[in-house]
C-alpha atoms as a PDB file:
ATOM      1  CA  MET A   1    -105.134 -16.532  34.175  1.00  0.00           C
ATOM      2  CA  SER A   2    -107.720 -17.188  37.067  1.00  0.00           C
ATOM      3  CA  GLY A   3    -111.403 -17.545  37.048  1.00  0.00           C
ATOM      4  CA  LYS A   4    -113.663 -19.615  34.490  1.00  0.00           C
ATOM      5  CA  THR A   5    -114.211 -18.102  30.840  1.00  0.00           C
ATOM      6  CA  SER A   6    -116.154 -19.936  28.772  1.00  0.00           C
ATOM      7  CA  LYS A   7    -114.520 -19.356  25.495  1.00  0.00           C
ATOM      8  CA  VAL A   8    -111.495 -17.923  23.781  1.00  0.00           C
ATOM      9  CA  THR A   9    -111.583 -15.630  20.892  1.00  0.00           C
ATOM     10  CA  PHE A  10    -108.917 -15.816  18.748  1.00  0.00           C
ATOM     11  CA  ILE A  11    -107.948 -12.707  16.793  1.00  0.00           C
ATOM     12  CA  PHE A  12    -106.433 -13.107  13.256  1.00  0.00           C
ATOM     13  CA  ARG A  13    -104.938 -10.600  10.871  1.00  0.00           C
ATOM     14  CA  ASN A  14    -106.376 -10.265   7.122  1.00  0.00           C
ATOM     15  CA  LYS A  15    -105.037 -13.095   4.955  1.00  0.00           C
ATOM     16  CA  GLU A  16    -104.092 -10.906   2.432  1.00  0.00           C
ATOM     17  CA  SER A  17    -101.114  -9.417   4.334  1.00  0.00           C
ATOM     18  CA  GLY A  18     -99.168 -12.399   3.449  1.00  0.00           C
ATOM     19  CA  ILE A  19     -98.555 -15.814   5.507  1.00  0.00           C
ATOM     20  CA  SER A  20    -100.729 -16.118   8.550  1.00  0.00           C
ATOM     21  CA  ILE A  21     -99.606 -17.258  11.729  1.00  0.00           C
ATOM     22  CA  GLN A  22    -103.250 -18.756  11.790  1.00  0.00           C
ATOM     23  CA  LYS A  23    -101.737 -22.353  11.059  1.00  0.00           C
ATOM     24  CA  VAL A  24     -99.764 -22.533  14.337  1.00  0.00           C
ATOM     25  CA  PHE A  25    -102.945 -22.058  16.126  1.00  0.00           C
ATOM     26  CA  ASP A  26    -104.603 -24.450  13.740  1.00  0.00           C
ATOM     27  CA  THR A  27    -102.171 -27.018  14.866  1.00  0.00           C
ATOM     28  CA  VAL A  28    -102.619 -26.306  18.651  1.00  0.00           C
ATOM     29  CA  LEU A  29    -106.269 -26.320  18.324  1.00  0.00           C
ATOM     30  CA  ARG A  30    -106.367 -29.564  16.847  1.00  0.00           C
ATOM     31  CA  TYR A  31    -105.138 -31.013  20.447  1.00  0.00           C
ATOM     32  CA  ILE A  32    -106.972 -28.927  22.656  1.00  0.00           C
ATOM     33  CA  ASP A  33    -110.776 -28.940  23.993  1.00  0.00           C
ATOM     34  CA  ILE A  34    -111.924 -25.455  24.179  1.00  0.00           C
ATOM     35  CA  ASN A  35    -114.697 -23.601  23.018  1.00  0.00           C
ATOM     36  CA  TYR A  36    -113.460 -20.786  20.835  1.00  0.00           C
ATOM     37  CA  ASP A  37    -114.448 -18.665  18.114  1.00  0.00           C
ATOM     38  CA  THR A  38    -112.040 -16.484  15.388  1.00  0.00           C
ATOM     39  CA  ILE A  39    -112.364 -13.133  14.472  1.00  0.00           C
ATOM     40  CA  THR A  40    -110.262 -12.044  11.185  1.00  0.00           C
ATOM     41  CA  ALA A  41    -109.687  -8.412  10.569  1.00  0.00           C
ATOM     42  CA  PRO A  42    -111.061  -7.607   7.220  1.00  0.00           C
ATOM     43  CA  TYR A  43    -108.651  -5.111   6.323  1.00  0.00           C
ATOM     44  CA  TYR A  44    -105.055  -5.456   5.784  1.00  0.00           C
ATOM     45  CA  GLN A  45    -103.355  -2.292   4.973  1.00  0.00           C
ATOM     46  CA  ALA A  46    -102.124  -0.158   8.006  1.00  0.00           C
ATOM     47  CA  ASP A  47    -103.567   3.308   6.733  1.00  0.00           C
ATOM     48  CA  LEU A  48    -105.545   5.176   9.592  1.00  0.00           C
ATOM     49  CA  THR A  49    -109.078   4.417   7.621  1.00  0.00           C
ATOM     50  CA  HIS A  50    -108.604   0.651   7.988  1.00  0.00           C
ATOM     51  CA  ILE A  51    -106.682   0.524  11.182  1.00  0.00           C
ATOM     52  CA  ILE A  52    -110.048   2.491  12.544  1.00  0.00           C
ATOM     53  CA  LYS A  53    -112.285   0.071  10.426  1.00  0.00           C
ATOM     54  CA  ASN A  54    -110.527  -3.282  12.135  1.00  0.00           C
ATOM     55  CA  LEU A  55    -110.738  -1.827  15.504  1.00  0.00           C
ATOM     56  CA  PHE A  56    -114.592  -1.347  15.279  1.00  0.00           C
ATOM     57  CA  TYR A  57    -114.998  -4.511  13.450  1.00  0.00           C
ATOM     58  CA  VAL A  58    -113.048  -6.386  16.377  1.00  0.00           C
ATOM     59  CA  HIS A  59    -114.972  -4.225  18.940  1.00  0.00           C
ATOM     60  CA  ASN A  60    -118.437  -5.135  17.594  1.00  0.00           C
ATOM     61  CA  LEU A  61    -117.477  -9.078  17.133  1.00  0.00           C
ATOM     62  CA  SER A  62    -115.842  -9.501  20.361  1.00  0.00           C
ATOM     63  CA  ASP A  63    -117.348 -10.812  23.713  1.00  0.00           C
ATOM     64  CA  ARG A  64    -116.830  -9.301  26.999  1.00  0.00           C
ATOM     65  CA  LYS A  65    -117.223 -13.261  28.576  1.00  0.00           C
ATOM     66  CA  CYS A  66    -114.574 -14.324  26.364  1.00  0.00           C
ATOM     67  CA  ILE A  67    -110.530 -14.333  26.690  1.00  0.00           C
ATOM     68  CA  ALA A  68    -109.720 -12.491  23.684  1.00  0.00           C
ATOM     69  CA  HIS A  69    -106.042 -13.539  21.905  1.00  0.00           C
ATOM     70  CA  MET A  70    -104.481 -11.767  19.458  1.00  0.00           C
ATOM     71  CA  THR A  71    -102.271 -14.062  17.804  1.00  0.00           C
ATOM     72  CA  GLY A  72     -99.792 -11.769  16.067  1.00  0.00           C
ATOM     73  CA  GLY A  73     -99.316  -9.227  13.340  1.00  0.00           C
ATOM     74  CA  PRO A  74    -101.616  -6.171  14.098  1.00  0.00           C
ATOM     75  CA  HIS A  75    -101.039  -6.309  17.450  1.00  0.00           C
ATOM     76  CA  TYR A  76    -103.121  -3.033  17.594  1.00  0.00           C
ATOM     77  CA  LEU A  77    -106.417  -5.011  17.458  1.00  0.00           C
ATOM     78  CA  LEU A  78    -105.958  -5.705  20.777  1.00  0.00           C
ATOM     79  CA  LEU A  79    -107.200  -2.342  21.790  1.00  0.00           C
ATOM     80  CA  GLY A  80    -110.413  -2.931  20.288  1.00  0.00           C
ATOM     81  CA  CYS A  81    -111.189  -6.369  22.452  1.00  0.00           C
ATOM     82  CA  LYS A  82    -113.564  -6.376  24.984  1.00  0.00           C
ATOM     83  CA  GLY A  83    -112.299  -9.326  26.653  1.00  0.00           C
ATOM     84  CA  ASN A  84    -112.281  -9.899  30.432  1.00  0.00           C
ATOM     85  CA  LYS A  85    -108.861 -11.053  29.580  1.00  0.00           C
ATOM     86  CA  LYS A  86    -106.463 -10.161  26.881  1.00  0.00           C
ATOM     87  CA  ILE A  87    -103.303 -12.355  25.630  1.00  0.00           C
ATOM     88  CA  LEU A  88    -100.998 -11.107  22.988  1.00  0.00           C
ATOM     89  CA  THR A  89     -98.839 -13.018  21.222  1.00  0.00           C
ATOM     90  CA  ILE A  90     -95.680 -11.438  19.889  1.00  0.00           C
ATOM     91  CA  HIS A  91     -93.705 -13.317  17.040  1.00  0.00           C
ATOM     92  CA  ASP A  92     -90.729 -10.971  16.498  1.00  0.00           C
ATOM     93  CA  LEU A  93     -90.021  -7.452  16.080  1.00  0.00           C
ATOM     94  CA  VAL A  94     -89.224  -7.303  12.917  1.00  0.00           C
ATOM     95  CA  LEU A  95     -91.863  -4.599  12.261  1.00  0.00           C
ATOM     96  CA  LEU A  96     -89.553  -2.348  13.801  1.00  0.00           C
ATOM     97  CA  ASP A  97     -86.212  -3.356  12.782  1.00  0.00           C
ATOM     98  CA  LYS A  98     -87.313  -3.012   9.116  1.00  0.00           C
ATOM     99  CA  CYS A  99     -88.422   0.616  10.099  1.00  0.00           C
ATOM    100  CA  ASN A 100     -86.224   3.026   7.849  1.00  0.00           C
ATOM    101  CA  SER A 101     -87.837   6.447   9.186  1.00  0.00           C
ATOM    102  CA  ARG A 102     -87.512   7.526  13.033  1.00  0.00           C
ATOM    103  CA  LEU A 103     -91.026   8.865  12.951  1.00  0.00           C
ATOM    104  CA  LYS A 104     -92.543   5.636  11.585  1.00  0.00           C
ATOM    105  CA  LYS A 105     -90.485   3.236  14.072  1.00  0.00           C
ATOM    106  CA  ILE A 106     -91.856   5.568  17.022  1.00  0.00           C
ATOM    107  CA  ILE A 107     -95.534   5.060  15.865  1.00  0.00           C
ATOM    108  CA  PHE A 108     -95.629   1.703  15.013  1.00  0.00           C
ATOM    109  CA  SER A 109     -93.576   0.927  18.602  1.00  0.00           C
ATOM    110  CA  PHE A 110     -96.225   3.006  20.689  1.00  0.00           C
ATOM    111  CA  PHE A 111     -99.415   1.439  18.462  1.00  0.00           C
ATOM    112  CA  TRP A 112     -98.471  -1.928  17.736  1.00  0.00           C
ATOM    113  CA  PHE A 113     -96.126  -2.708  20.559  1.00  0.00           C
ATOM    114  CA  TYR A 114     -96.396  -0.386  23.806  1.00  0.00           C
ATOM    115  CA  LEU A 115    -100.330   0.175  23.986  1.00  0.00           C
ATOM    116  CA  PRO A 116    -101.565  -3.430  23.249  1.00  0.00           C
ATOM    117  CA  MET A 117     -98.874  -4.685  25.677  1.00  0.00           C
ATOM    118  CA  ALA A 118     -99.931  -2.547  28.211  1.00  0.00           C
ATOM    119  CA  LYS A 119    -103.721  -3.653  27.742  1.00  0.00           C
ATOM    120  CA  ALA A 120    -102.709  -7.402  27.743  1.00  0.00           C
ATOM    121  CA  ASP A 121    -103.022  -9.273  30.814  1.00  0.00           C
ATOM    122  CA  LYS A 122    -100.470 -11.552  29.682  1.00  0.00           C
ATOM    123  CA  ILE A 123     -98.288 -11.782  26.668  1.00  0.00           C
ATOM    124  CA  THR A 124     -96.690 -14.505  25.053  1.00  0.00           C
ATOM    125  CA  CYS A 125     -93.363 -14.876  22.641  1.00  0.00           C
ATOM    126  CA  ILE A 126     -92.270 -17.791  20.472  1.00  0.00           C
ATOM    127  CA  SER A 127     -88.658 -17.377  21.609  1.00  0.00           C
ATOM    128  CA  GLU A 128     -86.581 -16.257  24.831  1.00  0.00           C
ATOM    129  CA  TYR A 129     -84.803 -13.960  22.312  1.00  0.00           C
ATOM    130  CA  VAL A 130     -87.933 -12.278  21.629  1.00  0.00           C
ATOM    131  CA  ARG A 131     -89.004 -12.148  25.058  1.00  0.00           C
ATOM    132  CA  LYS A 132     -85.515 -10.504  26.111  1.00  0.00           C
ATOM    133  CA  GLN A 133     -86.386  -8.152  23.614  1.00  0.00           C
ATOM    134  CA  LEU A 134     -89.228  -6.874  24.549  1.00  0.00           C
ATOM    135  CA  ILE A 135     -88.214  -6.436  28.538  1.00  0.00           C
ATOM    136  CA  LYS A 136     -85.253  -4.537  27.217  1.00  0.00           C
ATOM    137  CA  ARG A 137     -87.200  -2.269  24.823  1.00  0.00           C
ATOM    138  CA  PHE A 138     -90.314  -1.451  26.489  1.00  0.00           C
ATOM    139  CA  LYS A 139     -89.283  -2.145  30.054  1.00  0.00           C
ATOM    140  CA  ILE A 140     -92.069  -4.920  30.368  1.00  0.00           C
ATOM    141  CA  ASP A 141     -92.565  -6.803  33.645  1.00  0.00           C
ATOM    142  CA  PRO A 142     -91.002  -9.932  32.904  1.00  0.00           C
ATOM    143  CA  ASN A 143     -93.722 -11.824  35.128  1.00  0.00           C
ATOM    144  CA  LYS A 144     -96.129 -10.777  32.333  1.00  0.00           C
ATOM    145  CA  ILE A 145     -94.208 -12.368  29.714  1.00  0.00           C
ATOM    146  CA  VAL A 146     -93.975 -16.009  29.134  1.00  0.00           C
ATOM    147  CA  THR A 147     -92.074 -17.784  26.232  1.00  0.00           C
ATOM    148  CA  ILE A 148     -94.043 -20.440  24.416  1.00  0.00           C
ATOM    149  CA  TYR A 149     -92.489 -21.785  21.378  1.00  0.00           C
ATOM    150  CA  ASN A 150     -94.365 -22.499  18.061  1.00  0.00           C
ATOM    151  CA  PRO A 151     -95.509 -26.237  17.872  1.00  0.00           C
ATOM    152  CA  VAL A 152     -94.412 -28.524  14.619  1.00  0.00           C
ATOM    153  CA  GLN A 153     -97.133 -28.876  12.030  1.00  0.00           C
ATOM    154  CA  PRO A 154     -98.056 -32.473  11.977  1.00  0.00           C
ATOM    155  CA  LEU A 155     -97.238 -32.884   8.538  1.00  0.00           C
ATOM    156  CA  TYR A 156     -93.298 -32.987   9.943  1.00  0.00           C
ATOM    157  CA  CYS A 157     -93.396 -36.455  11.584  1.00  0.00           C
ATOM    158  CA  ARG A 158     -90.315 -38.692  12.236  1.00  0.00           C
ATOM    159  CA  HIS A 159     -89.778 -41.178   9.181  1.00  0.00           C
ATOM    160  CA  PRO A 160     -87.230 -43.976   9.895  1.00  0.00           C
ATOM    161  CA  TYR A 161     -83.969 -43.717   8.000  1.00  0.00           C
ATOM    162  CA  SER A 162     -81.042 -45.936   8.022  1.00  0.00           C
ATOM    163  CA  PHE A 163     -77.821 -43.973   8.509  1.00  0.00           C
ATOM    164  CA  HIS A 164     -74.597 -44.571   6.835  1.00  0.00           C
ATOM    165  CA  THR A 165     -72.936 -45.645   9.825  1.00  0.00           C
ATOM    166  CA  LYS A 166     -69.482 -44.787   8.647  1.00  0.00           C
ATOM    167  CA  LYS A 167     -70.117 -41.515   6.948  1.00  0.00           C
ATOM    168  CA  PRO A 168     -73.472 -40.157   8.139  1.00  0.00           C
ATOM    169  CA  VAL A 169     -74.986 -36.975   6.112  1.00  0.00           C
ATOM    170  CA  ILE A 170     -77.309 -35.109   7.878  1.00  0.00           C
ATOM    171  CA  LEU A 171     -79.168 -32.297   6.598  1.00  0.00           C
ATOM    172  CA  HIS A 172     -80.599 -29.683   9.019  1.00  0.00           C
END
């Protein structure tokens, strides 16, 4: 992204929606020195009323001078951002793969993926597999999508261990 921006605003889904990817970004933020804010969606339900309320909430709190980074989950929140540059991180396409209704799959494809990706200046994926799936399913310009693998949390650190040299046991 070119140009100077004073701040990044990370947009997170509501924590009641399950395990949050926010832990990944907490790990990254420990090691970089940037000015940032966070916005957490107030509602986790995917009904129309809560989606609209979440969009207005994000719109009212986002800043035009910031880079807005939708970190995953309800990608549609990027549509409410006023940031001058927008980044969308996509972790997987499980939402689409789990849809058992064709209509539901079309709605989620359009509002959770297509529109937010169209509005994003840059899209990051956590694996090359996800990147290829997005390019294939949505015909996205490959130059707009970058693979950035998730970091390992600090609690996973190397511990010296003596292996049995003749018959090692490896758990992975």
